[in-house]
Amino acid sequence: YASEIGLKVYSTWSNQVGGSDYDIYFMGFSNNPFKYFSRSKWFVFPSLWEGLPLVLVEAMASGVPIISADCPTGPADILAESIESLDFIKTPVNAKYGVLMPMIPDLNSDEIIGIWSEKIEALYKDEGAREKYIQAQQERLHQFSTDFAITKWIMILQGL
């Protein structure tokens, strides 16, 4: 779709030469995603399903704000302060720790793709929103630390 709308696309799955002259990069798996995060203004995550999308926590740790699909099990749990509904969102939600977007079920979903495009463009231009999310995410990160997990486990075990 990115190519269809005129963006210059790099993909690790093709025989293209890398460089900085592309509009969008599809990098595939990497043992070190931080080298990419360090050059990113936003992390966009259009996944349709996840378990625990650790990459969202990695983006937070790198100081990169997140725009993510509200797919099953993961993004809302990480980006929202509380989950009040099991229904997936239909319009963008500026959650406390990132932006949740409706899932894109297929590339023929022009209306949803339009919603994503408009939101990404607006956020790209809004440095205040970017800084707000970077600050909020730094607060959230402690809940993914080893110390936090150990403290929670001790509380659970003491309650038995």
C-alpha atoms as a PDB file:
ATOM      1  CA  TYR A   1       0.000   0.000   0.000  1.00  0.00           C
ATOM      2  CA  ALA A   2       2.841   2.386   0.848  1.00  0.00           C
ATOM      3  CA  SER A   3       4.270   1.908  -2.653  1.00  0.00           C
ATOM      4  CA  GLU A   4       0.834   2.341  -4.228  1.00  0.00           C
ATOM      5  CA  ILE A   5       0.466   5.791  -2.697  1.00  0.00           C
ATOM      6  CA  GLY A   6       3.881   6.887  -3.928  1.00  0.00           C
ATOM      7  CA  LEU A   7       6.124   6.305  -0.912  1.00  0.00           C
ATOM      8  CA  LYS A   8       9.630   5.003  -1.483  1.00  0.00           C
ATOM      9  CA  VAL A   9       9.690   1.720   0.487  1.00  0.00           C
ATOM     10  CA  TYR A  10      12.656  -0.248   1.808  1.00  0.00           C
ATOM     11  CA  SER A  11      12.117  -3.874   2.806  1.00  0.00           C
ATOM     12  CA  THR A  12      14.620  -6.361   4.210  1.00  0.00           C
ATOM     13  CA  TRP A  13      12.809  -9.071   2.253  1.00  0.00           C
ATOM     14  CA  SER A  14      13.845  -7.594  -1.103  1.00  0.00           C
ATOM     15  CA  ASN A  15      17.256  -7.172  -2.659  1.00  0.00           C
ATOM     16  CA  GLN A  16      17.246  -3.393  -2.216  1.00  0.00           C
ATOM     17  CA  VAL A  17      20.251  -1.484  -0.955  1.00  0.00           C
ATOM     18  CA  GLY A  18      19.586   0.271   2.365  1.00  0.00           C
ATOM     19  CA  GLY A  19      20.090   3.961   2.928  1.00  0.00           C
ATOM     20  CA  SER A  20      18.443   7.091   4.203  1.00  0.00           C
ATOM     21  CA  ASP A  21      16.521   8.009   1.055  1.00  0.00           C
ATOM     22  CA  TYR A  22      13.391   5.931   1.750  1.00  0.00           C
ATOM     23  CA  ASP A  23      10.080   7.195   3.139  1.00  0.00           C
ATOM     24  CA  ILE A  24       9.264   4.006   5.038  1.00  0.00           C
ATOM     25  CA  TYR A  25      11.318   1.020   6.208  1.00  0.00           C
ATOM     26  CA  PHE A  26      10.125  -2.532   6.813  1.00  0.00           C
ATOM     27  CA  MET A  27      13.037  -3.971   8.755  1.00  0.00           C
ATOM     28  CA  GLY A  28      11.903  -7.448   9.771  1.00  0.00           C
ATOM     29  CA  PHE A  29      13.369  -9.094  12.878  1.00  0.00           C
ATOM     30  CA  SER A  30      16.395  -7.536  14.545  1.00  0.00           C
ATOM     31  CA  ASN A  31      18.395  -8.584  17.601  1.00  0.00           C
ATOM     32  CA  ASN A  32      19.024  -4.879  18.240  1.00  0.00           C
ATOM     33  CA  PRO A  33      15.932  -2.757  17.526  1.00  0.00           C
ATOM     34  CA  PHE A  34      17.394   0.146  19.515  1.00  0.00           C
ATOM     35  CA  LYS A  35      19.572   1.251  16.618  1.00  0.00           C
ATOM     36  CA  TYR A  36      16.352   1.912  14.676  1.00  0.00           C
ATOM     37  CA  PHE A  37      14.461   3.476  17.569  1.00  0.00           C
ATOM     38  CA  SER A  38      17.235   6.026  18.103  1.00  0.00           C
ATOM     39  CA  ARG A  39      16.467   7.536  14.692  1.00  0.00           C
ATOM     40  CA  SER A  40      12.661   7.380  14.980  1.00  0.00           C
ATOM     41  CA  LYS A  41      10.218  10.159  15.741  1.00  0.00           C
ATOM     42  CA  TRP A  42       7.250   7.767  16.310  1.00  0.00           C
ATOM     43  CA  PHE A  43       6.894   3.989  16.460  1.00  0.00           C
ATOM     44  CA  VAL A  44       3.936   2.814  14.353  1.00  0.00           C
ATOM     45  CA  PHE A  45       2.627  -0.678  15.140  1.00  0.00           C
ATOM     46  CA  PRO A  46      -0.245  -1.869  12.881  1.00  0.00           C
ATOM     47  CA  SER A  47      -0.250  -5.476  14.104  1.00  0.00           C
ATOM     48  CA  LEU A  48      -3.468  -7.522  13.921  1.00  0.00           C
ATOM     49  CA  TRP A  49      -2.596  -9.843  16.828  1.00  0.00           C
ATOM     50  CA  GLU A  50       0.000 -10.106  19.578  1.00  0.00           C
ATOM     51  CA  GLY A  51       0.726 -11.879  22.809  1.00  0.00           C
ATOM     52  CA  LEU A  52       2.760  -9.387  24.779  1.00  0.00           C
ATOM     53  CA  PRO A  53       4.184  -6.944  22.235  1.00  0.00           C
ATOM     54  CA  LEU A  54       7.527  -6.410  23.961  1.00  0.00           C
ATOM     55  CA  VAL A  55       8.541  -4.141  21.095  1.00  0.00           C
ATOM     56  CA  LEU A  56       6.187  -1.484  22.527  1.00  0.00           C
ATOM     57  CA  VAL A  57       8.089  -1.547  25.825  1.00  0.00           C
ATOM     58  CA  GLU A  58      11.374  -1.408  23.891  1.00  0.00           C
ATOM     59  CA  ALA A  59      10.121   1.667  22.020  1.00  0.00           C
ATOM     60  CA  MET A  60       9.165   3.282  25.341  1.00  0.00           C
ATOM     61  CA  ALA A  61      12.603   2.522  26.779  1.00  0.00           C
ATOM     62  CA  SER A  62      14.119   4.219  23.740  1.00  0.00           C
ATOM     63  CA  GLY A  63      12.037   7.356  24.235  1.00  0.00           C
ATOM     64  CA  VAL A  64       9.951   6.827  21.110  1.00  0.00           C
ATOM     65  CA  PRO A  65       6.212   7.522  21.399  1.00  0.00           C
ATOM     66  CA  ILE A  66       3.841   4.876  20.051  1.00  0.00           C
ATOM     67  CA  ILE A  67       0.937   4.706  17.609  1.00  0.00           C
ATOM     68  CA  SER A  68      -0.478   1.180  17.784  1.00  0.00           C
ATOM     69  CA  ALA A  69      -3.381  -0.860  16.520  1.00  0.00           C
ATOM     70  CA  ASP A  70      -5.746  -1.904  19.284  1.00  0.00           C
ATOM     71  CA  CYS A  71      -5.245  -5.576  18.447  1.00  0.00           C
ATOM     72  CA  PRO A  72      -6.072  -8.443  20.811  1.00  0.00           C
ATOM     73  CA  THR A  73      -3.922  -8.947  23.911  1.00  0.00           C
ATOM     74  CA  GLY A  74      -1.269  -6.372  24.280  1.00  0.00           C
ATOM     75  CA  PRO A  75      -1.230  -2.810  23.031  1.00  0.00           C
ATOM     76  CA  ALA A  76      -4.148  -1.479  25.090  1.00  0.00           C
ATOM     77  CA  ASP A  77      -2.767  -3.259  28.175  1.00  0.00           C
ATOM     78  CA  ILE A  78       0.519  -1.398  27.747  1.00  0.00           C
ATOM     79  CA  LEU A  79      -0.642   1.981  26.421  1.00  0.00           C
ATOM     80  CA  ALA A  80      -3.879   2.610  28.320  1.00  0.00           C
ATOM     81  CA  GLU A  81      -4.139   3.310  32.031  1.00  0.00           C
ATOM     82  CA  SER A  82      -7.082   0.955  32.375  1.00  0.00           C
ATOM     83  CA  ILE A  83      -9.044  -1.269  30.061  1.00  0.00           C
ATOM     84  CA  GLU A  84     -12.757  -0.712  30.451  1.00  0.00           C
ATOM     85  CA  SER A  85     -14.103  -2.641  27.474  1.00  0.00           C
ATOM     86  CA  LEU A  86     -13.343  -5.750  25.507  1.00  0.00           C
ATOM     87  CA  ASP A  87     -14.615  -4.056  22.335  1.00  0.00           C
ATOM     88  CA  PHE A  88     -11.929  -2.880  19.953  1.00  0.00           C
ATOM     89  CA  ILE A  89     -11.855   0.807  19.165  1.00  0.00           C
ATOM     90  CA  LYS A  90     -13.266   2.244  15.939  1.00  0.00           C
ATOM     91  CA  THR A  91     -11.620   5.685  16.140  1.00  0.00           C
ATOM     92  CA  PRO A  92      -8.213   6.832  17.436  1.00  0.00           C
ATOM     93  CA  VAL A  93      -7.833   7.022  21.212  1.00  0.00           C
ATOM     94  CA  ASN A  94      -5.189   9.210  22.803  1.00  0.00           C
ATOM     95  CA  ALA A  95      -4.456   6.808  25.654  1.00  0.00           C
ATOM     96  CA  LYS A  96      -2.224   7.787  28.561  1.00  0.00           C
ATOM     97  CA  TYR A  97       0.949   6.107  27.270  1.00  0.00           C
ATOM     98  CA  GLY A  98       0.412   6.110  23.489  1.00  0.00           C
ATOM     99  CA  VAL A  99      -2.152   6.335  20.724  1.00  0.00           C
ATOM    100  CA  LEU A 100      -4.459   3.378  20.067  1.00  0.00           C
ATOM    101  CA  MET A 101      -5.833   3.001  16.547  1.00  0.00           C
ATOM    102  CA  PRO A 102      -8.513   0.789  14.977  1.00  0.00           C
ATOM    103  CA  MET A 103      -7.149  -2.383  13.398  1.00  0.00           C
ATOM    104  CA  ILE A 104      -6.735  -2.442   9.613  1.00  0.00           C
ATOM    105  CA  PRO A 105      -8.376  -5.750   8.669  1.00  0.00           C
ATOM    106  CA  ASP A 106      -7.142  -5.657   5.056  1.00  0.00           C
ATOM    107  CA  LEU A 107      -5.588  -3.282   2.546  1.00  0.00           C
ATOM    108  CA  ASN A 108      -9.013  -2.545   1.043  1.00  0.00           C
ATOM    109  CA  SER A 109     -10.038  -0.758   4.243  1.00  0.00           C
ATOM    110  CA  ASP A 110      -9.679   2.719   2.726  1.00  0.00           C
ATOM    111  CA  GLU A 111     -11.625   4.453   5.504  1.00  0.00           C
ATOM    112  CA  ILE A 112      -9.470   2.985   8.283  1.00  0.00           C
ATOM    113  CA  ILE A 113      -6.256   3.546   6.326  1.00  0.00           C
ATOM    114  CA  GLY A 114      -7.363   7.161   5.909  1.00  0.00           C
ATOM    115  CA  ILE A 115      -7.901   7.449   9.669  1.00  0.00           C
ATOM    116  CA  TRP A 116      -4.391   6.091  10.286  1.00  0.00           C
ATOM    117  CA  SER A 117      -2.851   8.423   7.696  1.00  0.00           C
ATOM    118  CA  GLU A 118      -4.537  11.503   9.129  1.00  0.00           C
ATOM    119  CA  LYS A 119      -3.612  10.637  12.722  1.00  0.00           C
ATOM    120  CA  ILE A 120       0.012   9.828  11.894  1.00  0.00           C
ATOM    121  CA  GLU A 121       0.385  13.074   9.950  1.00  0.00           C
ATOM    122  CA  ALA A 122      -1.193  15.135  12.745  1.00  0.00           C
ATOM    123  CA  LEU A 123       0.990  13.524  15.416  1.00  0.00           C
ATOM    124  CA  TYR A 124       4.136  13.849  13.311  1.00  0.00           C
ATOM    125  CA  LYS A 125       3.558  17.603  13.206  1.00  0.00           C
ATOM    126  CA  ASP A 126       2.622  17.896  16.915  1.00  0.00           C
ATOM    127  CA  GLU A 127       5.860  18.114  18.892  1.00  0.00           C
ATOM    128  CA  GLY A 128       3.872  18.796  22.103  1.00  0.00           C
ATOM    129  CA  ALA A 129       2.025  15.467  21.818  1.00  0.00           C
ATOM    130  CA  ARG A 130       5.295  13.701  21.128  1.00  0.00           C
ATOM    131  CA  GLU A 131       6.922  15.152  24.242  1.00  0.00           C
ATOM    132  CA  LYS A 132       3.817  14.415  26.351  1.00  0.00           C
ATOM    133  CA  TYR A 133       3.935  10.734  25.413  1.00  0.00           C
ATOM    134  CA  ILE A 134       7.684  10.460  25.951  1.00  0.00           C
ATOM    135  CA  GLN A 135       7.247  11.804  29.502  1.00  0.00           C
ATOM    136  CA  ALA A 136       4.247   9.565  30.271  1.00  0.00           C
ATOM    137  CA  GLN A 137       6.007   6.489  28.932  1.00  0.00           C
ATOM    138  CA  GLN A 138       8.956   7.072  31.241  1.00  0.00           C
ATOM    139  CA  GLU A 139       6.523   6.846  34.169  1.00  0.00           C
ATOM    140  CA  ARG A 140       5.083   3.598  32.770  1.00  0.00           C
ATOM    141  CA  LEU A 141       8.397   1.848  32.191  1.00  0.00           C
ATOM    142  CA  HIS A 142       8.988   1.039  35.855  1.00  0.00           C
ATOM    143  CA  GLN A 143       6.082  -1.439  35.693  1.00  0.00           C
ATOM    144  CA  PHE A 144       8.128  -3.544  33.267  1.00  0.00           C
ATOM    145  CA  SER A 145      11.283  -3.569  35.386  1.00  0.00           C
ATOM    146  CA  THR A 146      12.711  -6.574  37.207  1.00  0.00           C
ATOM    147  CA  ASP A 147      12.408  -4.798  40.559  1.00  0.00           C
ATOM    148  CA  PHE A 148       8.708  -4.128  40.000  1.00  0.00           C
ATOM    149  CA  ALA A 149       8.080  -7.775  39.030  1.00  0.00           C
ATOM    150  CA  ILE A 150       9.959  -9.081  42.082  1.00  0.00           C
ATOM    151  CA  THR A 151       8.007  -6.761  44.380  1.00  0.00           C
ATOM    152  CA  LYS A 152       4.709  -7.959  42.893  1.00  0.00           C
ATOM    153  CA  TRP A 153       5.712 -11.633  43.223  1.00  0.00           C
ATOM    154  CA  ILE A 154       6.706 -11.126  46.851  1.00  0.00           C
ATOM    155  CA  MET A 155       3.313  -9.500  47.564  1.00  0.00           C
ATOM    156  CA  ILE A 156       1.504 -12.426  45.893  1.00  0.00           C
ATOM    157  CA  LEU A 157       3.536 -15.061  47.762  1.00  0.00           C
ATOM    158  CA  GLN A 158       3.101 -13.285  51.111  1.00  0.00           C
ATOM    159  CA  GLY A 159      -0.651 -13.296  50.498  1.00  0.00           C
ATOM    160  CA  LEU A 160      -0.785 -17.097  50.261  1.00  0.00           C
END
